[in-house]
Protein backbone atom coordinates (compact mmCIF):
# COMPACT_ATOMS: atom_id res chain seq x y z
CA UNK A 1 21.23 46.17 -53.62
CA UNK A 2 20.42 44.90 -57.12
CA UNK A 3 16.90 43.69 -57.89
CA UNK A 4 16.77 40.31 -59.59
CA UNK A 5 13.27 39.82 -61.00
CA UNK A 6 12.22 41.31 -64.33
CA UNK A 7 8.86 42.68 -63.17
CA UNK A 8 7.62 43.72 -59.77
CA UNK A 9 4.13 44.89 -58.85
CA UNK A 10 3.70 47.67 -56.31
CA UNK A 11 0.61 48.85 -54.52
CA UNK A 12 0.33 52.04 -52.55
CA UNK A 13 -2.65 54.25 -51.79
CA UNK A 14 -4.82 51.70 -53.68
CA UNK A 15 -2.96 52.20 -56.97
CA UNK A 16 -1.12 49.52 -58.89
CA UNK A 17 1.39 49.48 -61.73
CA UNK A 18 4.31 47.35 -62.76
CA UNK A 19 7.98 48.15 -62.70
CA UNK A 20 9.52 47.20 -66.03
CA UNK A 21 13.07 46.57 -67.26
CA UNK A 22 14.39 46.65 -63.71
CA UNK A 23 17.47 44.62 -64.65
CA UNK A 24 18.63 47.32 -67.07
CA UNK A 25 21.97 48.77 -65.93
CA UNK A 26 21.56 52.50 -65.43
CA UNK A 27 25.00 53.27 -63.99
CA UNK A 28 27.61 50.96 -65.60
CA UNK A 29 30.46 52.08 -63.33
CA UNK A 30 29.02 51.00 -59.98
CA UNK A 31 26.67 48.57 -61.71
CA UNK A 32 23.41 50.02 -60.41
CA UNK A 33 20.28 48.78 -62.20
CA UNK A 34 16.92 50.41 -62.67
CA UNK A 35 15.71 48.19 -59.85
CA UNK A 36 18.39 49.66 -57.61
CA UNK A 37 17.27 53.18 -58.51
CA UNK A 38 13.65 52.31 -57.73
CA UNK A 39 14.67 50.77 -54.42
CA UNK A 40 16.76 53.83 -53.55
CA UNK A 41 13.84 56.17 -54.16
CA UNK A 42 11.46 53.90 -52.27
CA UNK A 43 13.70 53.96 -49.20
CA UNK A 44 14.61 57.64 -49.40
CA UNK A 45 10.99 58.75 -49.99
CA UNK A 46 10.12 59.61 -46.35
CA UNK A 47 12.94 62.18 -46.35
CA UNK A 48 12.60 63.29 -49.97
CA UNK A 49 8.84 63.71 -50.43
CA UNK A 50 8.49 66.71 -48.08
CA UNK A 51 11.02 68.55 -50.29
CA UNK A 52 9.04 67.70 -53.45
CA UNK A 53 5.48 68.14 -52.24
CA UNK A 54 3.39 70.76 -54.09
CA UNK A 55 6.36 72.03 -56.10
CA UNK A 56 6.19 71.96 -59.92
CA UNK A 57 8.77 69.41 -60.98
CA UNK A 58 11.04 69.01 -63.99
CA UNK A 59 12.39 65.49 -64.35
CA UNK A 60 15.71 64.56 -65.91
CA UNK A 61 15.04 61.32 -67.78
CA UNK A 62 17.69 58.94 -69.11
CA UNK A 63 15.75 55.83 -70.16
CA UNK A 64 18.93 54.11 -71.36
CA UNK A 65 20.99 55.04 -68.32
CA UNK A 66 24.07 57.18 -67.77
CA UNK A 67 26.12 55.92 -70.69
CA UNK A 68 27.99 57.83 -73.43
CA UNK A 69 25.63 59.05 -76.12
CA UNK A 70 22.50 58.17 -74.15
CA UNK A 71 19.44 60.34 -74.69
CA UNK A 72 18.71 62.81 -71.90
CA UNK A 73 15.31 64.48 -71.64
CA UNK A 74 14.37 67.47 -69.48
CA UNK A 75 10.65 66.98 -69.09
CA UNK A 76 8.37 69.68 -67.72
CA UNK A 77 5.16 68.97 -69.62
CA UNK A 78 3.89 65.55 -68.62
CA UNK A 79 2.36 63.35 -71.35
CA UNK A 80 -1.41 62.98 -71.55
CA UNK A 81 -1.15 59.22 -71.08
CA UNK A 82 0.13 59.52 -67.51
CA UNK A 83 -2.43 58.08 -65.05
CA UNK A 84 -5.01 60.51 -63.75
CA UNK A 85 -3.88 59.80 -60.18
CA UNK A 86 -0.58 61.62 -60.87
CA UNK A 87 -1.11 65.10 -59.33
CA UNK A 88 -0.50 67.95 -61.77
CA UNK A 89 -0.83 71.67 -62.25
CA UNK A 90 -1.08 73.71 -65.45
CA UNK A 91 0.95 76.92 -65.41
CA UNK A 92 1.50 79.60 -68.06
CA UNK A 93 4.94 80.33 -69.50
CA UNK A 94 6.27 83.80 -70.25
CA UNK A 95 5.35 83.18 -73.88
CA UNK A 96 1.72 82.55 -72.98
CA UNK A 97 1.65 78.81 -73.56
CA UNK A 98 0.80 76.44 -70.73
CA UNK A 99 2.84 73.65 -69.20
CA UNK A 100 1.34 70.78 -67.23
CA UNK A 101 3.77 70.00 -64.41
CA UNK A 102 3.66 66.86 -62.29
CA UNK A 103 3.49 67.27 -58.52
CA UNK A 104 5.36 64.53 -56.70
CA UNK A 105 3.26 64.34 -53.55
CA UNK A 106 3.27 60.61 -52.86
CA UNK A 107 5.32 57.46 -53.23
CA UNK A 108 3.30 56.13 -56.17
CA UNK A 109 3.95 59.24 -58.27
CA UNK A 110 7.63 59.26 -57.34
CA UNK A 111 8.14 55.64 -58.36
CA UNK A 112 5.96 55.96 -61.45
CA UNK A 113 8.24 58.71 -62.77
CA UNK A 114 11.34 56.69 -61.94
CA UNK A 115 9.74 53.81 -63.82
CA UNK A 116 9.52 56.17 -66.82
CA UNK A 117 13.29 56.69 -66.72
CA UNK A 118 13.50 59.71 -64.40
CA UNK A 119 16.75 59.82 -62.45
CA UNK A 120 16.82 63.38 -61.11
CA UNK A 121 14.03 65.64 -59.88
CA UNK A 122 14.27 69.43 -60.09
CA UNK A 123 11.72 71.60 -58.29
CA UNK A 124 10.62 75.20 -57.99
CA UNK A 125 11.69 77.13 -54.88
CA UNK A 126 8.01 77.85 -54.18
CA UNK A 127 4.84 75.81 -53.77
CA UNK A 128 1.60 75.95 -55.71
CA UNK A 129 -0.17 77.84 -52.91
CA UNK A 130 2.27 80.77 -53.15
CA UNK A 131 4.14 80.42 -56.43
CA UNK A 132 5.40 84.01 -56.45
CA UNK A 133 7.05 83.67 -53.03
CA UNK A 134 10.13 81.43 -52.63
CA UNK A 135 10.35 79.32 -49.50
CA UNK A 136 14.13 79.47 -49.40
CA UNK A 137 17.16 81.06 -51.03
CA UNK A 138 19.91 79.08 -52.72
CA UNK A 139 23.61 79.86 -52.97
CA UNK A 140 24.98 77.40 -55.54
CA UNK A 141 28.77 77.13 -55.25
CA UNK A 142 30.25 76.16 -58.61
CA UNK A 143 33.72 74.71 -58.13
CA UNK A 144 34.94 75.15 -61.70
CA UNK A 145 38.75 75.10 -61.69
CA UNK A 146 39.01 76.03 -58.01
CA UNK A 147 40.09 73.73 -55.19
CA UNK A 148 37.49 72.16 -52.92
CA UNK A 149 38.96 73.80 -49.79
CA UNK A 150 37.97 77.16 -51.32
CA UNK A 151 34.38 76.00 -51.64
CA UNK A 152 34.38 74.87 -48.02
CA UNK A 153 35.76 78.19 -46.81
CA UNK A 154 33.16 80.12 -48.83
CA UNK A 155 30.31 77.96 -47.50
CA UNK A 156 31.44 78.56 -43.91
CA UNK A 157 31.73 82.29 -44.55
CA UNK A 158 28.22 82.31 -46.03
CA UNK A 159 26.97 80.61 -42.88
CA UNK A 160 28.55 83.33 -40.75
CA UNK A 161 27.16 86.17 -42.87
CA UNK A 162 23.69 84.63 -42.76
CA UNK A 163 23.96 84.16 -39.01
CA UNK A 164 24.74 87.87 -38.66
CA UNK A 165 21.41 88.48 -40.43
CA UNK A 166 19.68 86.03 -38.07
CA UNK A 167 19.15 83.59 -40.93
CA UNK A 168 19.73 79.88 -40.38
CA UNK A 169 22.00 78.25 -42.98
CA UNK A 170 21.97 74.67 -44.24
CA UNK A 171 24.51 72.97 -46.46
CA UNK A 172 24.46 69.95 -48.75
CA UNK A 173 26.63 68.28 -51.32
CA UNK A 174 25.06 69.09 -54.66
CA UNK A 175 25.57 65.55 -55.92
CA UNK A 176 28.23 66.70 -58.35
CA UNK A 177 31.35 68.68 -57.35
CA UNK A 178 29.68 71.65 -55.71
CA UNK A 179 28.02 72.65 -52.47
CA UNK A 180 24.62 74.24 -51.94
CA UNK A 181 23.99 76.62 -49.07
CA UNK A 182 20.31 77.26 -48.41
CA UNK A 183 18.41 79.47 -46.02
CA UNK A 184 14.66 79.90 -45.43
CA UNK A 185 13.36 83.10 -47.04
CA UNK A 186 11.88 85.20 -44.26
CA UNK A 187 11.64 88.42 -46.22
CA UNK A 188 8.35 90.00 -47.26
CA UNK A 189 9.30 90.34 -50.90
CA UNK A 190 8.95 88.04 -53.89
CA UNK A 191 11.58 86.24 -55.95
CA UNK A 192 13.14 89.49 -57.15
CA UNK A 193 13.65 90.66 -53.57
CA UNK A 194 15.04 87.28 -52.51
CA UNK A 195 17.52 87.18 -55.37
CA UNK A 196 18.65 90.77 -54.78
CA UNK A 197 19.21 89.93 -51.10
CA UNK A 198 21.18 86.83 -52.05
CA UNK A 199 23.31 88.79 -54.50
CA UNK A 200 24.18 91.36 -51.83
CA UNK A 201 25.43 88.58 -49.58
CA UNK A 202 27.34 86.90 -52.42
CA UNK A 203 29.02 90.20 -53.26
CA UNK A 204 30.00 90.59 -49.60
CA UNK A 205 31.67 87.17 -49.75
CA UNK A 206 33.61 88.30 -52.83
CA UNK A 207 34.77 91.44 -51.01
CA UNK A 208 35.81 89.39 -47.99
CA UNK A 209 37.41 86.51 -49.95
CA UNK A 210 38.55 88.09 -53.24
CA UNK A 211 41.12 85.37 -53.93
CA UNK A 212 38.54 82.58 -53.65
CA UNK A 213 35.09 83.79 -54.74
CA UNK A 214 33.45 85.48 -57.71
CA UNK A 215 29.98 86.39 -58.95
CA UNK A 216 31.12 86.68 -62.57
CA UNK A 217 28.78 84.61 -64.75
CA UNK A 218 31.28 84.27 -67.61
CA UNK A 219 33.51 81.24 -67.10
CA UNK A 220 36.47 82.98 -68.74
CA UNK A 221 36.34 85.64 -66.03
CA UNK A 222 36.24 83.22 -63.09
CA UNK A 223 39.69 81.66 -63.48
CA UNK A 224 40.36 79.56 -60.34
CA UNK A 225 37.59 81.18 -58.31
CA UNK A 226 34.44 79.54 -56.96
CA UNK A 227 31.38 81.00 -58.63
CA UNK A 228 28.57 81.92 -56.20
CA UNK A 229 25.47 81.45 -58.32
CA UNK A 230 22.23 83.04 -57.11
CA UNK A 231 20.54 83.22 -60.52
CA UNK A 232 18.28 80.24 -59.84
CA UNK A 233 16.41 82.30 -57.25
CA UNK A 234 13.77 83.25 -59.81
CA UNK A 235 10.19 82.20 -60.47
CA UNK A 236 10.01 79.26 -62.85
CA UNK A 237 13.63 78.27 -62.28
CA UNK A 238 14.33 75.01 -60.54
CA UNK A 239 16.82 73.48 -58.13
CA UNK A 240 17.92 70.01 -57.08
CA UNK A 241 16.38 69.26 -53.67
CA UNK A 242 18.02 67.17 -50.96
CA UNK A 243 18.12 63.36 -51.31
CA UNK A 244 17.87 63.34 -55.11
CA UNK A 245 20.06 61.12 -57.27
CA UNK A 246 22.21 62.86 -59.89
CA UNK A 247 22.58 61.62 -63.44
CA UNK A 248 26.36 61.29 -63.29
CA UNK A 249 28.48 58.13 -63.72
CA UNK A 250 29.20 57.81 -59.98
CA UNK A 251 25.46 57.80 -59.10
CA UNK A 252 25.96 60.38 -56.37
CA UNK A 253 23.19 61.97 -54.31
CA UNK A 254 22.40 65.52 -53.26
CA UNK A 255 23.13 64.97 -49.57
CA UNK A 256 22.47 67.21 -46.54
CA UNK A 257 25.52 67.71 -44.35
CA UNK A 258 26.17 68.76 -40.81
CA UNK A 259 28.38 71.83 -40.63
CA UNK A 260 30.87 69.80 -38.61
CA UNK A 261 31.28 67.50 -41.64
CA UNK A 262 32.30 70.34 -43.89
CA UNK A 263 36.09 70.15 -44.09
CA UNK A 264 38.60 70.14 -46.92
CA UNK A 265 38.86 66.35 -46.48
CA UNK A 266 35.24 65.85 -47.50
CA UNK A 267 34.81 64.05 -50.83
CA UNK A 268 31.37 64.65 -52.43
CA UNK A 269 31.84 61.62 -54.67
CA UNK A 270 31.53 59.31 -51.66
CA UNK A 271 27.80 60.07 -51.36
CA UNK A 272 26.61 57.33 -53.69
CA UNK A 273 23.19 55.69 -53.60
CA UNK A 274 24.39 52.84 -51.41
CA UNK A 275 26.39 55.11 -49.11
CA UNK A 276 23.47 57.48 -48.58
CA UNK A 277 21.09 54.64 -47.77
CA UNK A 278 23.56 53.43 -45.15
CA UNK A 279 23.92 56.99 -43.90
CA UNK A 280 20.19 57.49 -43.30
CA UNK A 281 19.74 54.17 -41.51
CA UNK A 282 18.60 55.09 -38.03
CA UNK A 283 18.58 58.80 -38.88
CA UNK A 284 16.10 60.44 -36.54
CA UNK A 285 15.36 63.56 -38.57
CA UNK A 286 16.08 65.37 -41.81
CA UNK A 287 18.99 67.81 -41.47
CA UNK A 288 17.09 70.15 -43.80
CA UNK A 289 13.62 69.71 -42.33
CA UNK A 290 13.32 73.45 -41.73
CA UNK A 291 13.16 73.97 -45.51
CA UNK A 292 10.00 71.88 -45.79
CA UNK A 293 7.83 73.82 -43.35
């Protein structure tokens, strides 16, 4: 998968820029270069872009790669020198200042940001046309010191509870050790209503599976329980969408799963860049397409 040349020109939508330093190793363990990362995002773009489109994005940049001591930047405010063809939106913060977010609506913008050292993209749960209304609700299962089978059992129970509420559930590997369960938000309320609804369901899981699940935010209180995190369901907070690379040594990807794949034998670390590209070969549709409508 490695790219061999030192510079490559790309043209798309009548724009042109050069990829630079593509031989730089970004993930020393598996040996993935910056060229590999660019190629991954180029190939995954048809599935990824619908999940990014019109959502304010925060990029996780590691220009020197995922190596010990490497600088890691969480960039919301895009620099003024970015090309004017990069879509953007200026939004106020709670403090009254304004942040200029990039909108990753096309392949050129996606690859331009990767060329700037972005590895992971984090997006709002709402789009610019309705920023106060989330499109979906996230249940982030934090493994902590628990066993993976507990996470699987909780995810399946969440699916059943959501089904009882006539809500469709979708699951993905987070790209690290956890699982994400998502459901389209069909309620009439805003973020506060969505988060309150999610917390009610999370608390029901805790009542049903008290030996496995917790909603305690303090790590010291969780012990060997899986933490069901619904805090990110808030305006201005961001989540990792499907098909995004994670800035971890294994170069794993946030990967949608079929519910039939979700067993205790599943190993989230197997969803590397190369494995996910093989996985999507011939894939007819996005398993999480409902979250993009």
